[in-house]
Amino acid sequence: MTRGRASASLEAFLSHLERERQLSPNTVRAYRRDLEQLRAFLDDYLGADWDWDHPQVDRLALRGFMGWLGRKGLAKRTVARKISAVRAFFRFLQGRGEVASSPVATLRTPKVEKKLPGHLSQPDAREVFAWAELEAAKNTLAATRTLLILELMYGSGLRLSELHDLDLDEIDRRRRLVRVVGKGRKERVVPVTEKALEALARYEPRRAEVVRSRERALLVNARGGRLSRRSIQASVSSAFEVAAGARGLSSHALRHSFATHLLEGGADLLAVKELLGHASLSTTQIYTHTSRERLLKVYRQAHPRGE
C-alpha cells in the first residue's frame, strides 16, 4: 500500500471534520476508528500496494468489508454507521479530485430498524421528581445538585455533554433561557423552566460553600471543580432507582422524555426539532412513534369498536 499518500488523505479528512465541520473530538475519533478498520480490511483484501483510487477499491470490496464487519459480530446498526463514515470520506476524496467516483454511491447498506429511545413514562417522571424534591429538602450539595441536573435535562432537553460544559453565567434567569453549545459546536438557546430556576436558587448557596476560586462551572463537585460526566450520570441513575420503569435507563432518557412528552402534549414537531438542536427533521421524527402508540392505545380503550 502506498501508505504515505493514503494516510495523508485520511488525516486531511479528519482535519476537515475537526476544523471545518467542527465535529467533537469523540466524533472525529469514531471516524478514525471506522476508516482505520477499512484500511486494515483493504490491506488484507488487496495486498500491500493499493491506494484509495485503486480500481479494486470498488463496490465489491466494500461489500466484502461489510461482510468482514458482520463476521466480527457487529450489529447492523454499527455496520451502517461505519459505511456512513466511509461514504463521507469518499465524498471528501471526490471533492478533492483524488478519486473519480465514489464506490459507496451504489452500495446498499444494511436496513436498520429505527429504535425508539428509552424514556420515562409521565408517571415515572413524576415519581423521580417527587423523590428528588424530598432529597433536595435535606439541603446538601449533592441532593440540591441532583435536582438541578434532573430539571435541566428533562425541562430543557439538554444533552449530558451540554450540561457538563454549562457555566453558571450562561443561564439567563430574567428571560428564563439558557445558551448551550451542542453537536458540531452549534449554539442554541432553549427555555429554562421555573422549577429549574427554583432548583438553581436552592443549589447556589451549597455551590458557594465549596467554590474557592473563580470557577465558572455550573455543576461542581465537593472540591469546587467542574463535576465530571460520570458523576452526572451517577446522580441521574440514583434518582432513577426510585421508579421501577426508569431503572436501567441512562441519563439520556431525560432528553428523550423531554421530546416524547412535548409531542404527547401536542407540541409541533419542528419546534421540538429546534429545541433539541437536531440538524435533520428525520432525527426528531422517531419520537412521533411514541405519540402514535399512545393515540392507538387511547383509541382502542375509548372507541366502542376500537377493539
Protein backbone atom coordinates (compact mmCIF):
# COMPACT_ATOMS: atom_id res chain seq x y z
CA MET A 1 0.00 0.00 0.00
CA THR A 2 1.21 3.50 -0.76
CA ARG A 3 0.83 4.31 2.92
CA GLY A 4 2.15 7.86 2.76
CA ARG A 5 -0.45 9.18 0.33
CA ALA A 6 -3.33 7.11 1.72
CA SER A 7 -2.51 8.20 5.27
CA ALA A 8 -2.22 11.85 4.20
CA SER A 9 -5.69 11.68 2.60
CA LEU A 10 -7.16 10.18 5.76
CA GLU A 11 -5.51 12.79 8.00
CA ALA A 12 -6.73 15.58 5.70
CA PHE A 13 -10.29 14.26 6.01
CA LEU A 14 -10.10 14.05 9.81
CA SER A 15 -8.68 17.57 9.95
CA HIS A 16 -11.58 18.73 7.74
CA LEU A 17 -14.05 17.16 10.19
CA GLU A 18 -12.42 18.84 13.16
CA ARG A 19 -11.65 22.30 11.77
CA GLU A 20 -14.24 22.95 9.08
CA ARG A 21 -17.20 20.85 10.16
CA GLN A 22 -16.26 21.43 13.83
CA LEU A 23 -17.26 17.95 14.96
CA SER A 24 -16.49 16.95 18.53
CA PRO A 25 -13.21 15.13 19.34
CA ASN A 26 -15.21 11.98 20.21
CA THR A 27 -16.93 12.00 16.81
CA VAL A 28 -13.63 12.54 14.98
CA ARG A 29 -12.12 9.62 16.91
CA ALA A 30 -15.07 7.43 15.87
CA TYR A 31 -14.49 8.35 12.19
CA ARG A 32 -10.82 7.49 12.59
CA ARG A 33 -11.62 4.06 14.07
CA ASP A 34 -14.11 3.25 11.31
CA LEU A 35 -11.75 4.26 8.49
CA GLU A 36 -8.75 2.53 10.01
CA GLN A 37 -10.83 -0.65 10.11
CA LEU A 38 -11.50 -0.19 6.39
CA ARG A 39 -7.78 0.27 5.80
CA ALA A 40 -6.96 -2.90 7.73
CA PHE A 41 -9.51 -4.84 5.67
CA LEU A 42 -8.16 -3.48 2.37
CA ASP A 43 -4.58 -4.34 3.38
CA ASP A 44 -5.68 -7.95 3.69
CA TYR A 45 -8.05 -7.89 0.69
CA LEU A 46 -5.76 -6.18 -1.84
CA GLY A 47 -2.27 -6.86 -0.52
CA ALA A 48 0.50 -4.33 0.04
CA ASP A 49 0.19 -1.98 -2.95
CA TRP A 50 -3.06 -0.03 -3.13
CA ASP A 51 -4.46 3.47 -2.76
CA TRP A 52 -7.95 4.98 -2.41
CA ASP A 53 -8.22 5.35 -6.22
CA HIS A 54 -7.19 1.70 -6.83
CA PRO A 55 -9.68 0.15 -9.32
CA GLN A 56 -10.34 -2.71 -6.90
CA VAL A 57 -11.42 -0.36 -4.12
CA ASP A 58 -14.92 -0.71 -5.51
CA ARG A 59 -18.44 -1.67 -4.53
CA LEU A 60 -17.46 -5.35 -4.36
CA ALA A 61 -14.59 -4.56 -1.96
CA LEU A 62 -16.92 -2.56 0.27
CA ARG A 63 -19.46 -5.39 0.28
CA GLY A 64 -16.58 -7.58 1.44
CA PHE A 65 -15.82 -5.02 4.16
CA MET A 66 -19.45 -5.18 5.35
CA GLY A 67 -19.26 -8.97 5.48
CA TRP A 68 -15.96 -8.77 7.39
CA LEU A 69 -17.57 -6.48 9.96
CA GLY A 70 -20.57 -8.82 10.25
CA ARG A 71 -18.29 -11.80 10.89
CA LYS A 72 -16.77 -9.84 13.77
CA GLY A 73 -20.22 -9.91 15.36
CA LEU A 74 -21.07 -6.23 14.84
CA ALA A 75 -24.73 -5.24 14.79
CA LYS A 76 -26.37 -3.98 11.58
CA ARG A 77 -26.71 -0.53 13.12
CA THR A 78 -22.95 -0.39 13.79
CA VAL A 79 -22.09 -1.61 10.28
CA ALA A 80 -24.44 1.00 8.77
CA ARG A 81 -22.74 3.73 10.83
CA LYS A 82 -19.29 2.65 9.64
CA ILE A 83 -20.43 2.65 5.99
CA SER A 84 -21.81 6.15 6.56
CA ALA A 85 -18.30 7.22 7.65
CA VAL A 86 -16.81 5.59 4.53
CA ARG A 87 -19.38 7.39 2.36
CA ALA A 88 -18.44 10.76 3.86
CA PHE A 89 -14.73 10.01 3.34
CA PHE A 90 -15.10 9.13 -0.35
CA ARG A 91 -17.29 12.18 -0.90
CA PHE A 92 -14.42 14.24 0.51
CA LEU A 93 -11.87 12.47 -1.73
CA GLN A 94 -14.09 13.03 -4.76
CA GLY A 95 -14.37 16.71 -3.93
CA ARG A 96 -10.58 16.96 -3.85
CA GLY A 97 -10.23 15.10 -7.14
CA GLU A 98 -8.42 12.16 -5.53
CA VAL A 99 -10.98 9.64 -6.79
CA ALA A 100 -13.10 9.87 -9.94
CA SER A 101 -16.22 8.40 -8.33
CA SER A 102 -17.34 7.02 -5.01
CA PRO A 103 -17.61 3.22 -4.71
CA VAL A 104 -20.17 3.76 -1.95
CA ALA A 105 -22.66 5.56 -4.21
CA THR A 106 -24.46 2.37 -5.31
CA LEU A 107 -23.76 0.34 -2.17
CA ARG A 108 -26.82 -0.86 -0.29
CA THR A 109 -26.27 -0.59 3.45
CA PRO A 110 -27.95 -2.90 5.98
CA LYS A 111 -31.55 -1.96 6.69
CA VAL A 112 -31.73 -0.80 10.27
CA GLU A 113 -34.99 -0.60 12.13
CA LYS A 114 -35.33 2.74 13.87
CA LYS A 115 -35.18 2.01 17.56
CA LEU A 116 -37.35 4.01 19.92
CA PRO A 117 -35.11 5.61 22.55
CA GLY A 118 -35.61 4.66 26.18
CA HIS A 119 -37.65 7.24 28.04
CA LEU A 120 -39.67 7.71 31.21
CA SER A 121 -43.43 7.49 31.29
CA GLN A 122 -45.06 10.61 32.72
CA PRO A 123 -45.97 8.80 35.98
CA ASP A 124 -42.35 7.59 36.32
CA ALA A 125 -41.09 11.13 35.74
CA ARG A 126 -43.38 12.43 38.49
CA GLU A 127 -42.09 9.73 40.84
CA VAL A 128 -38.45 10.58 40.10
CA PHE A 129 -39.01 14.30 40.70
CA ALA A 130 -41.02 13.73 43.88
CA TRP A 131 -38.06 11.76 45.28
CA ALA A 132 -35.54 14.40 44.12
CA GLU A 133 -37.57 17.19 45.77
CA LEU A 134 -37.62 15.31 49.09
CA GLU A 135 -33.86 14.71 48.89
CA ALA A 136 -33.15 18.36 48.00
CA ALA A 137 -35.04 19.41 51.13
CA LYS A 138 -32.05 17.98 53.07
CA ASN A 139 -30.16 20.96 51.67
CA THR A 140 -26.90 19.14 50.83
CA LEU A 141 -24.68 19.92 47.83
CA ALA A 142 -25.25 16.50 46.25
CA ALA A 143 -29.03 16.47 46.70
CA THR A 144 -29.69 20.04 45.51
CA ARG A 145 -27.33 19.44 42.57
CA THR A 146 -29.15 16.23 41.56
CA LEU A 147 -32.47 18.07 41.47
CA LEU A 148 -30.95 20.78 39.28
CA ILE A 149 -29.47 18.16 36.92
CA LEU A 150 -32.86 16.49 36.52
CA GLU A 151 -34.67 19.79 35.99
CA LEU A 152 -32.28 20.96 33.25
CA MET A 153 -32.03 17.65 31.39
CA TYR A 154 -35.77 16.98 31.46
CA GLY A 155 -37.06 20.57 31.45
CA SER A 156 -34.74 21.92 28.73
CA GLY A 157 -33.77 18.75 26.85
CA LEU A 158 -30.03 19.18 27.43
CA ARG A 159 -27.52 16.54 26.40
CA LEU A 160 -25.13 15.23 29.06
CA SER A 161 -22.18 16.96 27.34
CA GLU A 162 -24.09 20.25 27.13
CA LEU A 163 -24.96 20.18 30.83
CA HIS A 164 -21.42 19.19 31.79
CA ASP A 165 -19.95 22.15 29.85
CA LEU A 166 -22.53 24.66 31.11
CA ASP A 167 -21.27 27.67 33.06
CA LEU A 168 -23.25 29.46 35.75
CA ASP A 169 -23.42 32.75 33.84
CA GLU A 170 -24.95 31.08 30.76
CA ILE A 171 -28.35 30.82 32.43
CA ASP A 172 -30.39 33.98 31.82
CA ARG A 173 -32.72 33.99 34.84
CA ARG A 174 -34.64 37.10 33.87
CA ARG A 175 -35.56 35.78 30.41
CA ARG A 176 -35.61 32.12 31.58
CA LEU A 177 -33.26 30.95 28.84
CA VAL A 178 -30.00 29.02 28.65
CA ARG A 179 -27.36 29.13 25.90
CA VAL A 180 -25.75 25.78 25.13
CA VAL A 181 -23.22 24.52 22.61
CA GLY A 182 -24.33 21.21 21.10
CA LYS A 183 -23.07 18.75 18.50
CA GLY A 184 -20.86 20.24 15.80
CA ARG A 185 -20.32 23.16 18.20
CA LYS A 186 -23.67 24.59 17.17
CA GLU A 187 -25.06 27.09 19.62
CA ARG A 188 -28.73 27.18 20.55
CA VAL A 189 -30.87 28.93 23.14
CA VAL A 190 -33.52 26.91 24.97
CA PRO A 191 -36.10 27.78 27.64
CA VAL A 192 -35.50 27.09 31.32
CA THR A 193 -38.46 26.11 33.48
CA GLU A 194 -39.47 27.95 36.63
CA LYS A 195 -38.83 24.70 38.51
CA ALA A 196 -35.25 24.63 37.23
CA LEU A 197 -34.70 28.22 38.42
CA GLU A 198 -36.08 27.27 41.84
CA ALA A 199 -33.69 24.29 41.93
CA LEU A 200 -30.81 26.61 40.94
CA ALA A 201 -31.67 29.03 43.77
CA ARG A 202 -31.65 26.13 46.22
CA TYR A 203 -28.34 24.76 44.89
CA GLU A 204 -26.35 28.02 44.63
CA PRO A 205 -25.67 28.54 48.38
CA ARG A 206 -24.31 24.97 48.59
CA ARG A 207 -22.17 25.60 45.49
CA ALA A 208 -20.79 28.81 47.04
CA GLU A 209 -19.65 26.85 50.11
CA VAL A 210 -17.22 24.70 48.09
CA VAL A 211 -16.12 27.04 45.28
CA ARG A 212 -12.95 28.82 46.43
CA SER A 213 -11.77 30.21 43.08
CA ARG A 214 -13.26 31.83 40.01
CA GLU A 215 -14.72 28.53 38.87
CA ARG A 216 -17.37 29.23 36.23
CA ALA A 217 -18.83 25.71 36.04
CA LEU A 218 -22.49 25.43 36.94
CA LEU A 219 -22.16 21.93 38.39
CA VAL A 220 -19.29 21.48 40.84
CA ASN A 221 -18.00 18.63 43.00
CA ALA A 222 -17.19 18.70 46.72
CA ARG A 223 -13.72 20.15 45.94
CA GLY A 224 -15.20 23.05 43.96
CA GLY A 225 -14.13 21.83 40.50
CA ARG A 226 -16.32 21.04 37.50
CA LEU A 227 -18.43 17.93 38.09
CA SER A 228 -17.46 15.00 35.81
CA ARG A 229 -19.82 13.48 33.26
CA ARG A 230 -19.64 10.18 35.10
CA SER A 231 -20.81 11.87 38.32
CA ILE A 232 -23.73 13.47 36.47
CA GLN A 233 -24.72 10.05 35.13
CA ALA A 234 -24.41 8.54 38.63
CA SER A 235 -26.69 11.26 40.07
CA VAL A 236 -29.36 10.51 37.47
CA SER A 237 -29.04 6.74 37.95
CA SER A 238 -29.59 7.08 41.69
CA ALA A 239 -32.73 9.13 41.03
CA PHE A 240 -34.00 6.56 38.51
CA GLU A 241 -33.73 3.76 41.08
CA VAL A 242 -36.89 5.02 42.81
CA ALA A 243 -39.14 4.44 39.78
CA ALA A 244 -39.46 0.87 38.50
CA GLY A 245 -39.98 2.00 34.91
CA ALA A 246 -36.87 4.18 34.99
CA ARG A 247 -34.35 1.63 36.28
CA GLY A 248 -31.68 0.68 33.80
CA LEU A 249 -32.15 3.82 31.70
CA SER A 250 -29.26 6.19 31.01
CA SER A 251 -29.23 9.91 31.75
CA HIS A 252 -30.02 10.47 28.05
CA ALA A 253 -33.51 9.11 28.79
CA LEU A 254 -34.35 12.52 30.30
CA ARG A 255 -33.73 14.21 26.94
CA HIS A 256 -35.79 11.51 25.19
CA SER A 257 -38.55 12.03 27.75
CA PHE A 258 -38.44 15.80 27.17
CA ALA A 259 -39.13 15.27 23.44
CA THR A 260 -41.68 12.49 23.88
CA HIS A 261 -43.74 14.33 26.49
CA LEU A 262 -43.73 17.55 24.42
CA LEU A 263 -45.13 15.68 21.42
CA GLU A 264 -47.66 13.84 23.59
CA GLY A 265 -48.79 17.26 24.81
CA GLY A 266 -49.39 18.44 21.23
CA ALA A 267 -46.13 20.31 20.52
CA ASP A 268 -45.19 20.97 16.89
CA LEU A 269 -42.54 18.59 15.51
CA LEU A 270 -40.49 21.44 14.00
CA ALA A 271 -40.45 23.27 17.33
CA VAL A 272 -39.23 20.11 19.10
CA LYS A 273 -36.52 19.72 16.45
CA GLU A 274 -35.23 23.23 17.18
CA LEU A 275 -35.38 22.72 20.94
CA LEU A 276 -33.36 19.51 20.64
CA GLY A 277 -30.85 21.07 18.25
CA HIS A 278 -31.28 18.34 15.64
CA ALA A 279 -29.79 19.03 12.21
CA SER A 280 -32.45 16.93 10.44
CA LEU A 281 -36.18 16.56 11.00
CA SER A 282 -35.88 12.80 10.37
CA THR A 283 -33.88 12.52 13.61
CA THR A 284 -36.73 14.10 15.56
CA GLN A 285 -39.44 12.05 13.82
CA ILE A 286 -38.52 8.91 15.76
CA TYR A 287 -40.27 10.44 18.77
CA THR A 288 -43.58 10.54 16.89
CA HIS A 289 -43.72 6.73 17.19
CA THR A 290 -44.44 7.09 20.90
CA SER A 291 -47.22 9.57 20.27
CA ARG A 292 -48.79 7.25 17.67
CA GLU A 293 -48.64 4.32 20.10
CA ARG A 294 -50.32 6.42 22.77
CA LEU A 295 -53.05 7.59 20.36
CA LEU A 296 -53.74 3.99 19.29
CA LYS A 297 -53.96 2.91 22.92
CA VAL A 298 -56.41 5.70 23.74
CA TYR A 299 -58.44 4.88 20.63
CA ARG A 300 -58.63 1.16 21.44
CA GLN A 301 -59.65 1.86 25.01
CA ALA A 302 -62.16 4.62 24.28
CA HIS A 303 -63.85 3.82 20.96
CA PRO A 304 -66.81 1.41 21.11
CA ARG A 305 -65.42 -0.55 18.17
CA GLY A 306 -61.74 0.14 18.89
CA GLU A 307 -61.05 -3.44 19.94
